[in-house]
Amino acid sequence: MGAAGSSALARLGLSALQPRPRWLGVAALGLAAVALGAVAWRRARPRRRRRLQQVGTVAELWIYPVKSCKGVSVKAAECTALGLRSGHLRDRFWLVIKEGGHMVTARQEPRLVLVSTTYEDDCLILRAPGMDQLVLPSKPRSSNKIHDCRVFGLDIQGRDCGDEAAQWFTNFLKTEAFRLVQFEKNMKGRPSSKIFPSVGQKYQVAYPDCSPIMVLSEASLADLNTRLEKKVKMDNFRPNIVVAGSNAFEEVSGLLLLRLMPRCAP
C-alpha cells in the first residue's frame, strides 16, 4: 500500500494491514498434518476385542448327515453358515422325501432313527436292521434330477441320490415310495425370516428344523431330567455341539462365542 493510502487510513482512524508472517502458514500446515495423522492412526490401530467369558467347553461334536437318522461323532468340525462340516460330511444335507417332495422325518416314520451312518473313503454308508448296507458317494451325479421339496411348509431344493437309495429307504420303511435327496451349497436355503419372523438375524437353513447349529449343555439336560418322570438322553435332542462345565441353560447366552470361532474341537 502506498503513502497516500496509508495517510487516508490514518485519517479514518484505521491502521494498515500488516503482511502475515510466513511462519503462521507453516504452523497451520503442520497442525493439519498432525490432525490427519492422528485420525489415520486411530483407524489403523487394532480395535480392542471384547472380553469374552467362557461358559463351558466343547465335550462332543456330532454331525447328522441324513435328517432323522443317527449321527456321526467327529473330533473337529468347521462351523459354517449352513451348519457343521467335516470334510465332505455336512449336517442334515440329506433328506428323505415322499411324493410331491414333502419331507419325511422320524415324526412320520419313527424307524428312521434306526438308520446308522458312517463315513468312509469319501462315501456315506447307511445301515439298518435287516438291510444290506447302502453306500452313497459324497456327491450325487450332476445329471440327477433336482426335486422341489417342502420342509415345514417352506420351499427348498434337493438333488436326487438315485434309484438304489430310493429303493433302500422304501424297502426299509415299508409304507410308501420314498426318495433321498441331497442339498447342494449353490442351492438356496430356507430364510430365517420365514422360520422366525420376529428374530432380526438373517441366515439360511438347509434341512435342519430351524437353525444351522444346535447347542446343548450337559447341565441343561441334567436340569431337565430333574423335572421328568421318564429320563431323556442327549441323543433325544440330537445336538451338534455338547457343552460341558457350564450352568444349566447358560449355553443360550454363549452362542455368541460360536460366531467368533470358525472351528470347533472338543
C-alpha atoms as a PDB file:
ATOM      1  CA  MET A   1       0.000   0.000   0.000  1.00  0.00           C
ATOM      2  CA  GLY A   2       1.398   3.452  -0.941  1.00  0.00           C
ATOM      3  CA  ALA A   3       1.935   6.501   1.308  1.00  0.00           C
ATOM      4  CA  ALA A   4      -1.293   8.156   0.117  1.00  0.00           C
ATOM      5  CA  GLY A   5      -3.300   5.065   1.023  1.00  0.00           C
ATOM      6  CA  SER A   6      -1.723   4.866   4.467  1.00  0.00           C
ATOM      7  CA  SER A   7      -2.451   8.550   5.082  1.00  0.00           C
ATOM      8  CA  ALA A   8      -6.104   8.079   4.117  1.00  0.00           C
ATOM      9  CA  LEU A   9      -6.486   5.149   6.519  1.00  0.00           C
ATOM     10  CA  ALA A  10      -4.878   7.177   9.285  1.00  0.00           C
ATOM     11  CA  ARG A  11      -7.418   9.979   8.807  1.00  0.00           C
ATOM     12  CA  LEU A  12     -10.217   7.402   9.212  1.00  0.00           C
ATOM     13  CA  GLY A  13      -8.648   6.063  12.396  1.00  0.00           C
ATOM     14  CA  LEU A  14      -7.653   2.743  10.770  1.00  0.00           C
ATOM     15  CA  SER A  15      -4.258   1.167  10.575  1.00  0.00           C
ATOM     16  CA  ALA A  16      -2.890  -0.576   7.533  1.00  0.00           C
ATOM     17  CA  LEU A  17      -2.959  -4.419   7.478  1.00  0.00           C
ATOM     18  CA  GLN A  18       0.408  -5.933   8.193  1.00  0.00           C
ATOM     19  CA  PRO A  19       1.595  -8.808   5.988  1.00  0.00           C
ATOM     20  CA  ARG A  20       1.002 -12.256   7.623  1.00  0.00           C
ATOM     21  CA  PRO A  21       4.225 -13.792   8.893  1.00  0.00           C
ATOM     22  CA  ARG A  22       5.307 -16.837   6.859  1.00  0.00           C
ATOM     23  CA  TRP A  23       5.678 -18.990   9.969  1.00  0.00           C
ATOM     24  CA  LEU A  24       1.908 -18.855  10.595  1.00  0.00           C
ATOM     25  CA  GLY A  25       1.215 -20.658   7.314  1.00  0.00           C
ATOM     26  CA  VAL A  26       3.845 -23.262   8.066  1.00  0.00           C
ATOM     27  CA  ALA A  27       2.384 -23.804  11.548  1.00  0.00           C
ATOM     28  CA  ALA A  28      -1.137 -24.225  10.145  1.00  0.00           C
ATOM     29  CA  LEU A  29       0.049 -26.845   7.680  1.00  0.00           C
ATOM     30  CA  GLY A  30       1.894 -28.634  10.468  1.00  0.00           C
ATOM     31  CA  LEU A  31      -1.189 -28.736  12.696  1.00  0.00           C
ATOM     32  CA  ALA A  32      -3.293 -30.095   9.822  1.00  0.00           C
ATOM     33  CA  ALA A  33      -0.742 -32.833   9.182  1.00  0.00           C
ATOM     34  CA  VAL A  34      -0.735 -33.806  12.858  1.00  0.00           C
ATOM     35  CA  ALA A  35      -4.542 -33.955  12.925  1.00  0.00           C
ATOM     36  CA  LEU A  36      -4.704 -36.126   9.805  1.00  0.00           C
ATOM     37  CA  GLY A  37      -2.007 -38.378  11.212  1.00  0.00           C
ATOM     38  CA  ALA A  38      -3.951 -38.835  14.444  1.00  0.00           C
ATOM     39  CA  VAL A  39      -7.100 -39.805  12.535  1.00  0.00           C
ATOM     40  CA  ALA A  40      -5.169 -42.288  10.392  1.00  0.00           C
ATOM     41  CA  TRP A  41      -3.526 -43.806  13.473  1.00  0.00           C
ATOM     42  CA  ARG A  42      -6.879 -44.284  15.202  1.00  0.00           C
ATOM     43  CA  ARG A  43      -8.295 -46.043  12.175  1.00  0.00           C
ATOM     44  CA  ALA A  44      -5.245 -48.212  11.602  1.00  0.00           C
ATOM     45  CA  ARG A  45      -4.667 -49.403  15.163  1.00  0.00           C
ATOM     46  CA  PRO A  46      -6.275 -52.735  16.044  1.00  0.00           C
ATOM     47  CA  ARG A  47      -9.532 -52.457  17.922  1.00  0.00           C
ATOM     48  CA  ARG A  48      -9.721 -53.954  21.338  1.00  0.00           C
ATOM     49  CA  ARG A  49     -11.589 -57.208  21.334  1.00  0.00           C
ATOM     50  CA  ARG A  50     -14.481 -57.602  23.647  1.00  0.00           C
ATOM     51  CA  ARG A  51     -13.647 -59.564  26.720  1.00  0.00           C
ATOM     52  CA  LEU A  52     -15.208 -62.994  26.294  1.00  0.00           C
ATOM     53  CA  GLN A  53     -16.399 -65.052  29.206  1.00  0.00           C
ATOM     54  CA  GLN A  54     -16.034 -68.802  28.993  1.00  0.00           C
ATOM     55  CA  VAL A  55     -19.359 -70.544  29.537  1.00  0.00           C
ATOM     56  CA  GLY A  56     -18.092 -74.096  29.127  1.00  0.00           C
ATOM     57  CA  THR A  57     -16.037 -76.421  26.964  1.00  0.00           C
ATOM     58  CA  VAL A  58     -16.928 -78.453  23.897  1.00  0.00           C
ATOM     59  CA  ALA A  59     -17.368 -82.048  25.055  1.00  0.00           C
ATOM     60  CA  GLU A  60     -18.773 -83.646  21.888  1.00  0.00           C
ATOM     61  CA  LEU A  61     -19.297 -82.794  18.230  1.00  0.00           C
ATOM     62  CA  TRP A  62     -21.964 -84.511  16.160  1.00  0.00           C
ATOM     63  CA  ILE A  63     -22.948 -84.333  12.511  1.00  0.00           C
ATOM     64  CA  TYR A  64     -26.276 -85.822  11.419  1.00  0.00           C
ATOM     65  CA  PRO A  65     -25.909 -86.244   7.649  1.00  0.00           C
ATOM     66  CA  VAL A  66     -29.413 -87.640   6.962  1.00  0.00           C
ATOM     67  CA  LYS A  67     -32.241 -85.838   8.718  1.00  0.00           C
ATOM     68  CA  SER A  68     -33.759 -88.018  11.490  1.00  0.00           C
ATOM     69  CA  CYS A  69     -31.095 -90.740  11.140  1.00  0.00           C
ATOM     70  CA  LYS A  70     -28.263 -91.432  13.580  1.00  0.00           C
ATOM     71  CA  GLY A  71     -25.307 -89.077  13.794  1.00  0.00           C
ATOM     72  CA  VAL A  72     -21.561 -89.313  13.293  1.00  0.00           C
ATOM     73  CA  SER A  73     -19.217 -88.298  16.108  1.00  0.00           C
ATOM     74  CA  VAL A  74     -16.300 -86.169  14.865  1.00  0.00           C
ATOM     75  CA  LYS A  75     -13.158 -84.866  16.566  1.00  0.00           C
ATOM     76  CA  ALA A  76     -13.200 -81.475  14.863  1.00  0.00           C
ATOM     77  CA  ALA A  77     -15.564 -79.573  12.606  1.00  0.00           C
ATOM     78  CA  GLU A  78     -15.855 -76.276  10.818  1.00  0.00           C
ATOM     79  CA  CYS A  79     -18.740 -74.018  11.813  1.00  0.00           C
ATOM     80  CA  THR A  80     -20.163 -72.794   8.510  1.00  0.00           C
ATOM     81  CA  ALA A  81     -23.177 -70.615   7.803  1.00  0.00           C
ATOM     82  CA  LEU A  82     -25.118 -73.779   6.921  1.00  0.00           C
ATOM     83  CA  GLY A  83     -24.001 -75.887   9.878  1.00  0.00           C
ATOM     84  CA  LEU A  84     -21.111 -78.128  10.883  1.00  0.00           C
ATOM     85  CA  ARG A  85     -18.820 -79.584   8.248  1.00  0.00           C
ATOM     86  CA  SER A  86     -16.093 -82.204   8.477  1.00  0.00           C
ATOM     87  CA  GLY A  87     -14.577 -82.823   5.058  1.00  0.00           C
ATOM     88  CA  HIS A  88     -17.457 -83.610   2.688  1.00  0.00           C
ATOM     89  CA  LEU A  89     -19.642 -84.609   5.622  1.00  0.00           C
ATOM     90  CA  ARG A  90     -22.320 -81.977   6.207  1.00  0.00           C
ATOM     91  CA  ASP A  91     -25.014 -81.747   8.846  1.00  0.00           C
ATOM     92  CA  ARG A  92     -28.555 -82.534   7.636  1.00  0.00           C
ATOM     93  CA  PHE A  93     -27.671 -82.157   3.970  1.00  0.00           C
ATOM     94  CA  TRP A  94     -29.575 -85.352   3.076  1.00  0.00           C
ATOM     95  CA  LEU A  95     -33.341 -85.683   3.337  1.00  0.00           C
ATOM     96  CA  VAL A  96     -35.892 -88.435   2.769  1.00  0.00           C
ATOM     97  CA  ILE A  97     -38.890 -87.227   0.778  1.00  0.00           C
ATOM     98  CA  LYS A  98     -42.136 -88.733  -0.465  1.00  0.00           C
ATOM     99  CA  GLU A  99     -44.383 -87.944  -3.391  1.00  0.00           C
ATOM    100  CA  GLY A 100     -44.681 -84.232  -4.023  1.00  0.00           C
ATOM    101  CA  GLY A 101     -41.294 -83.522  -2.438  1.00  0.00           C
ATOM    102  CA  HIS A 102     -42.661 -83.394   1.112  1.00  0.00           C
ATOM    103  CA  MET A 103     -40.102 -84.104   3.818  1.00  0.00           C
ATOM    104  CA  VAL A 104     -40.189 -87.320   5.818  1.00  0.00           C
ATOM    105  CA  THR A 105     -38.752 -87.323   9.339  1.00  0.00           C
ATOM    106  CA  ALA A 106     -38.996 -89.533  12.406  1.00  0.00           C
ATOM    107  CA  ARG A 107     -42.191 -87.688  13.262  1.00  0.00           C
ATOM    108  CA  GLN A 108     -43.871 -89.509  10.380  1.00  0.00           C
ATOM    109  CA  GLU A 109     -41.575 -92.552  10.129  1.00  0.00           C
ATOM    110  CA  PRO A 110     -40.073 -93.365  13.572  1.00  0.00           C
ATOM    111  CA  ARG A 111     -37.954 -96.205  12.125  1.00  0.00           C
ATOM    112  CA  LEU A 112     -35.663 -93.617  10.543  1.00  0.00           C
ATOM    113  CA  VAL A 113     -33.885 -93.268  13.894  1.00  0.00           C
ATOM    114  CA  LEU A 114     -32.663 -96.866  13.474  1.00  0.00           C
ATOM    115  CA  VAL A 115     -30.610 -95.954  10.403  1.00  0.00           C
ATOM    116  CA  SER A 116     -26.943 -95.576  11.367  1.00  0.00           C
ATOM    117  CA  THR A 117     -24.455 -93.527   9.395  1.00  0.00           C
ATOM    118  CA  THR A 118     -20.703 -93.798   8.910  1.00  0.00           C
ATOM    119  CA  TYR A 119     -18.338 -92.003   6.569  1.00  0.00           C
ATOM    120  CA  GLU A 120     -15.582 -93.974   4.866  1.00  0.00           C
ATOM    121  CA  ASP A 121     -13.475 -93.364   1.747  1.00  0.00           C
ATOM    122  CA  ASP A 122     -15.473 -90.281   0.760  1.00  0.00           C
ATOM    123  CA  CYS A 123     -18.707 -92.288   0.895  1.00  0.00           C
ATOM    124  CA  LEU A 124     -21.734 -92.187   3.160  1.00  0.00           C
ATOM    125  CA  ILE A 125     -22.596 -95.687   4.411  1.00  0.00           C
ATOM    126  CA  LEU A 126     -26.083 -96.333   5.785  1.00  0.00           C
ATOM    127  CA  ARG A 127     -27.029 -99.428   7.780  1.00  0.00           C
ATOM    128  CA  ALA A 128     -30.371-100.524   9.211  1.00  0.00           C
ATOM    129  CA  PRO A 129     -31.767-103.684  10.853  1.00  0.00           C
ATOM    130  CA  GLY A 130     -32.495-106.390   8.276  1.00  0.00           C
ATOM    131  CA  MET A 131     -30.975-104.370   5.413  1.00  0.00           C
ATOM    132  CA  ASP A 132     -27.783-104.614   3.398  1.00  0.00           C
ATOM    133  CA  GLN A 133     -25.653-101.509   3.756  1.00  0.00           C
ATOM    134  CA  LEU A 134     -26.197 -98.639   1.350  1.00  0.00           C
ATOM    135  CA  VAL A 135     -23.069 -96.919   0.028  1.00  0.00           C
ATOM    136  CA  LEU A 136     -23.552 -93.404  -1.318  1.00  0.00           C
ATOM    137  CA  PRO A 137     -20.924 -91.113  -2.857  1.00  0.00           C
ATOM    138  CA  SER A 138     -20.482 -87.823  -1.015  1.00  0.00           C
ATOM    139  CA  LYS A 139     -21.821 -86.057  -4.111  1.00  0.00           C
ATOM    140  CA  PRO A 140     -24.528 -87.435  -6.424  1.00  0.00           C
ATOM    141  CA  ARG A 141     -24.202 -87.244 -10.177  1.00  0.00           C
ATOM    142  CA  SER A 142     -24.748 -83.764 -11.556  1.00  0.00           C
ATOM    143  CA  SER A 143     -27.144 -85.276 -14.106  1.00  0.00           C
ATOM    144  CA  ASN A 144     -29.510 -86.482 -11.361  1.00  0.00           C
ATOM    145  CA  LYS A 145     -32.870 -84.766 -11.108  1.00  0.00           C
ATOM    146  CA  ILE A 146     -33.344 -81.772  -8.816  1.00  0.00           C
ATOM    147  CA  HIS A 147     -36.524 -82.035  -6.748  1.00  0.00           C
ATOM    148  CA  ASP A 148     -38.604 -79.154  -5.447  1.00  0.00           C
ATOM    149  CA  CYS A 149     -39.102 -80.080  -1.792  1.00  0.00           C
ATOM    150  CA  ARG A 150     -41.111 -78.799   1.147  1.00  0.00           C
ATOM    151  CA  VAL A 151     -39.616 -78.601   4.648  1.00  0.00           C
ATOM    152  CA  PHE A 152     -42.021 -77.325   7.293  1.00  0.00           C
ATOM    153  CA  GLY A 153     -44.052 -75.624   4.598  1.00  0.00           C
ATOM    154  CA  LEU A 154     -41.106 -73.808   3.001  1.00  0.00           C
ATOM    155  CA  ASP A 155     -39.727 -74.459  -0.471  1.00  0.00           C
ATOM    156  CA  ILE A 156     -36.221 -75.847  -0.881  1.00  0.00           C
ATOM    157  CA  GLN A 157     -34.451 -77.979  -3.464  1.00  0.00           C
ATOM    158  CA  GLY A 158     -32.531 -81.239  -3.327  1.00  0.00           C
ATOM    159  CA  ARG A 159     -30.673 -83.375  -5.859  1.00  0.00           C
ATOM    160  CA  ASP A 160     -31.878 -86.955  -6.210  1.00  0.00           C
ATOM    161  CA  CYS A 161     -29.457 -89.590  -4.878  1.00  0.00           C
ATOM    162  CA  GLY A 162     -30.527 -92.303  -7.318  1.00  0.00           C
ATOM    163  CA  ASP A 163     -32.867 -95.271  -7.584  1.00  0.00           C
ATOM    164  CA  GLU A 164     -30.791 -97.550  -5.344  1.00  0.00           C
ATOM    165  CA  ALA A 165     -31.100 -95.155  -2.397  1.00  0.00           C
ATOM    166  CA  ALA A 166     -34.802 -94.657  -3.098  1.00  0.00           C
ATOM    167  CA  GLN A 167     -35.452 -98.407  -3.127  1.00  0.00           C
ATOM    168  CA  TRP A 168     -33.388 -98.919   0.031  1.00  0.00           C
ATOM    169  CA  PHE A 169     -35.489 -96.490   2.090  1.00  0.00           C
ATOM    170  CA  THR A 170     -38.717 -97.734   0.511  1.00  0.00           C
ATOM    171  CA  ASN A 171     -37.896-101.342   1.435  1.00  0.00           C
ATOM    172  CA  PHE A 172     -36.863-100.434   4.967  1.00  0.00           C
ATOM    173  CA  LEU A 173     -39.793 -98.189   5.880  1.00  0.00           C
ATOM    174  CA  LYS A 174     -42.371-100.339   4.036  1.00  0.00           C
ATOM    175  CA  THR A 175     -45.144 -97.741   3.984  1.00  0.00           C
ATOM    176  CA  GLU A 176     -44.907 -95.929   0.641  1.00  0.00           C
ATOM    177  CA  ALA A 177     -42.390 -94.878  -2.002  1.00  0.00           C
ATOM    178  CA  PHE A 178     -39.542 -92.662  -0.804  1.00  0.00           C
ATOM    179  CA  ARG A 179     -36.547 -90.940  -2.337  1.00  0.00           C
ATOM    180  CA  LEU A 180     -33.360 -89.488  -0.880  1.00  0.00           C
ATOM    181  CA  VAL A 181     -32.175 -86.024  -1.886  1.00  0.00           C
ATOM    182  CA  GLN A 182     -29.066 -84.005  -1.089  1.00  0.00           C
ATOM    183  CA  PHE A 183     -28.764 -80.265  -0.573  1.00  0.00           C
ATOM    184  CA  GLU A 184     -26.007 -78.527  -2.520  1.00  0.00           C
ATOM    185  CA  LYS A 185     -24.274 -75.373  -1.363  1.00  0.00           C
ATOM    186  CA  ASN A 186     -25.236 -73.482  -4.521  1.00  0.00           C
ATOM    187  CA  MET A 187     -28.915 -74.069  -3.717  1.00  0.00           C
ATOM    188  CA  LYS A 188     -30.942 -71.514  -1.816  1.00  0.00           C
ATOM    189  CA  GLY A 189     -31.676 -72.390   1.799  1.00  0.00           C
ATOM    190  CA  ARG A 190     -34.797 -71.604   3.782  1.00  0.00           C
ATOM    191  CA  PRO A 191     -34.632 -67.991   5.041  1.00  0.00           C
ATOM    192  CA  SER A 192     -34.682 -67.379   8.784  1.00  0.00           C
ATOM    193  CA  SER A 193     -37.204 -64.582   8.244  1.00  0.00           C
ATOM    194  CA  LYS A 194     -39.754 -67.239   7.279  1.00  0.00           C
ATOM    195  CA  ILE A 195     -38.833 -69.518  10.205  1.00  0.00           C
ATOM    196  CA  PHE A 196     -38.525 -66.893  12.964  1.00  0.00           C
ATOM    197  CA  PRO A 197     -40.183 -63.703  11.661  1.00  0.00           C
ATOM    198  CA  SER A 198     -39.589 -61.887  14.965  1.00  0.00           C
ATOM    199  CA  VAL A 199     -35.825 -62.540  15.017  1.00  0.00           C
ATOM    200  CA  GLY A 200     -33.704 -59.816  13.454  1.00  0.00           C
ATOM    201  CA  GLN A 201     -30.759 -62.024  12.476  1.00  0.00           C
ATOM    202  CA  LYS A 202     -30.718 -63.178   8.863  1.00  0.00           C
ATOM    203  CA  TYR A 203     -29.405 -66.603   7.906  1.00  0.00           C
ATOM    204  CA  GLN A 204     -30.320 -69.619   5.796  1.00  0.00           C
ATOM    205  CA  VAL A 205     -31.096 -73.185   6.790  1.00  0.00           C
ATOM    206  CA  ALA A 206     -30.885 -76.338   4.680  1.00  0.00           C
ATOM    207  CA  TYR A 207     -32.831 -79.306   6.123  1.00  0.00           C
ATOM    208  CA  PRO A 208     -32.482 -78.729   9.912  1.00  0.00           C
ATOM    209  CA  ASP A 209     -35.668 -77.716  11.692  1.00  0.00           C
ATOM    210  CA  CYS A 210     -34.881 -74.089  12.398  1.00  0.00           C
ATOM    211  CA  SER A 211     -31.175 -73.252  12.797  1.00  0.00           C
ATOM    212  CA  PRO A 212     -27.843 -74.331  11.269  1.00  0.00           C
ATOM    213  CA  ILE A 213     -26.296 -75.431  14.587  1.00  0.00           C
ATOM    214  CA  MET A 214     -27.862 -76.778  17.763  1.00  0.00           C
ATOM    215  CA  VAL A 215     -26.024 -76.447  21.086  1.00  0.00           C
ATOM    216  CA  LEU A 216     -26.995 -78.253  24.287  1.00  0.00           C
ATOM    217  CA  SER A 217     -25.184 -78.453  27.612  1.00  0.00           C
ATOM    218  CA  GLU A 218     -24.899 -81.416  29.929  1.00  0.00           C
ATOM    219  CA  ALA A 219     -26.127 -79.209  32.778  1.00  0.00           C
ATOM    220  CA  SER A 220     -29.286 -78.268  30.886  1.00  0.00           C
ATOM    221  CA  LEU A 221     -30.076 -81.922  30.227  1.00  0.00           C
ATOM    222  CA  ALA A 222     -29.494 -82.793  33.892  1.00  0.00           C
ATOM    223  CA  ASP A 223     -31.746 -79.932  34.986  1.00  0.00           C
ATOM    224  CA  LEU A 224     -34.487 -81.081  32.626  1.00  0.00           C
ATOM    225  CA  ASN A 225     -34.307 -84.657  33.910  1.00  0.00           C
ATOM    226  CA  THR A 226     -34.989 -83.465  37.460  1.00  0.00           C
ATOM    227  CA  ARG A 227     -38.414 -82.374  36.201  1.00  0.00           C
ATOM    228  CA  LEU A 228     -39.285 -85.541  34.276  1.00  0.00           C
ATOM    229  CA  GLU A 229     -40.512 -88.920  35.436  1.00  0.00           C
ATOM    230  CA  LYS A 230     -39.043 -90.643  32.383  1.00  0.00           C
ATOM    231  CA  LYS A 231     -35.456 -89.517  31.877  1.00  0.00           C
ATOM    232  CA  VAL A 232     -34.204 -88.476  28.457  1.00  0.00           C
ATOM    233  CA  LYS A 233     -30.760 -88.745  26.892  1.00  0.00           C
ATOM    234  CA  MET A 234     -28.648 -86.308  24.947  1.00  0.00           C
ATOM    235  CA  ASP A 235     -29.313 -88.082  21.659  1.00  0.00           C
ATOM    236  CA  ASN A 236     -33.046 -87.499  22.103  1.00  0.00           C
ATOM    237  CA  PHE A 237     -32.318 -83.885  21.161  1.00  0.00           C
ATOM    238  CA  ARG A 238     -29.614 -84.610  18.554  1.00  0.00           C
ATOM    239  CA  PRO A 239     -27.416 -81.556  19.258  1.00  0.00           C
ATOM    240  CA  ASN A 240     -24.388 -80.742  17.134  1.00  0.00           C
ATOM    241  CA  ILE A 241     -22.322 -79.347  19.997  1.00  0.00           C
ATOM    242  CA  VAL A 242     -22.466 -80.730  23.530  1.00  0.00           C
ATOM    243  CA  VAL A 243     -21.137 -78.306  26.144  1.00  0.00           C
ATOM    244  CA  ALA A 244     -19.663 -79.376  29.493  1.00  0.00           C
ATOM    245  CA  GLY A 245     -18.755 -77.340  32.557  1.00  0.00           C
ATOM    246  CA  SER A 246     -21.488 -74.719  32.284  1.00  0.00           C
ATOM    247  CA  ASN A 247     -24.528 -73.876  34.329  1.00  0.00           C
ATOM    248  CA  ALA A 248     -27.928 -75.034  33.141  1.00  0.00           C
ATOM    249  CA  PHE A 249     -29.131 -73.127  30.070  1.00  0.00           C
ATOM    250  CA  GLU A 250     -26.045 -70.922  30.095  1.00  0.00           C
ATOM    251  CA  GLU A 251     -25.243 -72.050  26.557  1.00  0.00           C
ATOM    252  CA  VAL A 252     -28.037 -69.776  25.343  1.00  0.00           C
ATOM    253  CA  SER A 253     -26.019 -66.670  26.221  1.00  0.00           C
ATOM    254  CA  GLY A 254     -22.834 -68.327  24.990  1.00  0.00           C
ATOM    255  CA  LEU A 255     -23.993 -68.694  21.388  1.00  0.00           C
ATOM    256  CA  LEU A 256     -22.104 -65.513  20.552  1.00  0.00           C
ATOM    257  CA  LEU A 257     -18.848 -67.375  21.113  1.00  0.00           C
ATOM    258  CA  LEU A 258     -19.663 -69.774  18.298  1.00  0.00           C
ATOM    259  CA  ARG A 259     -19.989 -66.898  15.855  1.00  0.00           C
ATOM    260  CA  LEU A 260     -16.461 -65.807  16.738  1.00  0.00           C
ATOM    261  CA  MET A 261     -14.901 -69.240  16.331  1.00  0.00           C
ATOM    262  CA  PRO A 262     -14.514 -70.593  12.775  1.00  0.00           C
ATOM    263  CA  ARG A 263     -13.599 -74.060  14.043  1.00  0.00           C
ATOM    264  CA  CYS A 264     -14.772 -76.206  16.928  1.00  0.00           C
ATOM    265  CA  ALA A 265     -12.956 -79.042  18.643  1.00  0.00           C
ATOM    266  CA  PRO A 266     -13.607 -80.930  21.888  1.00  0.00           C
END
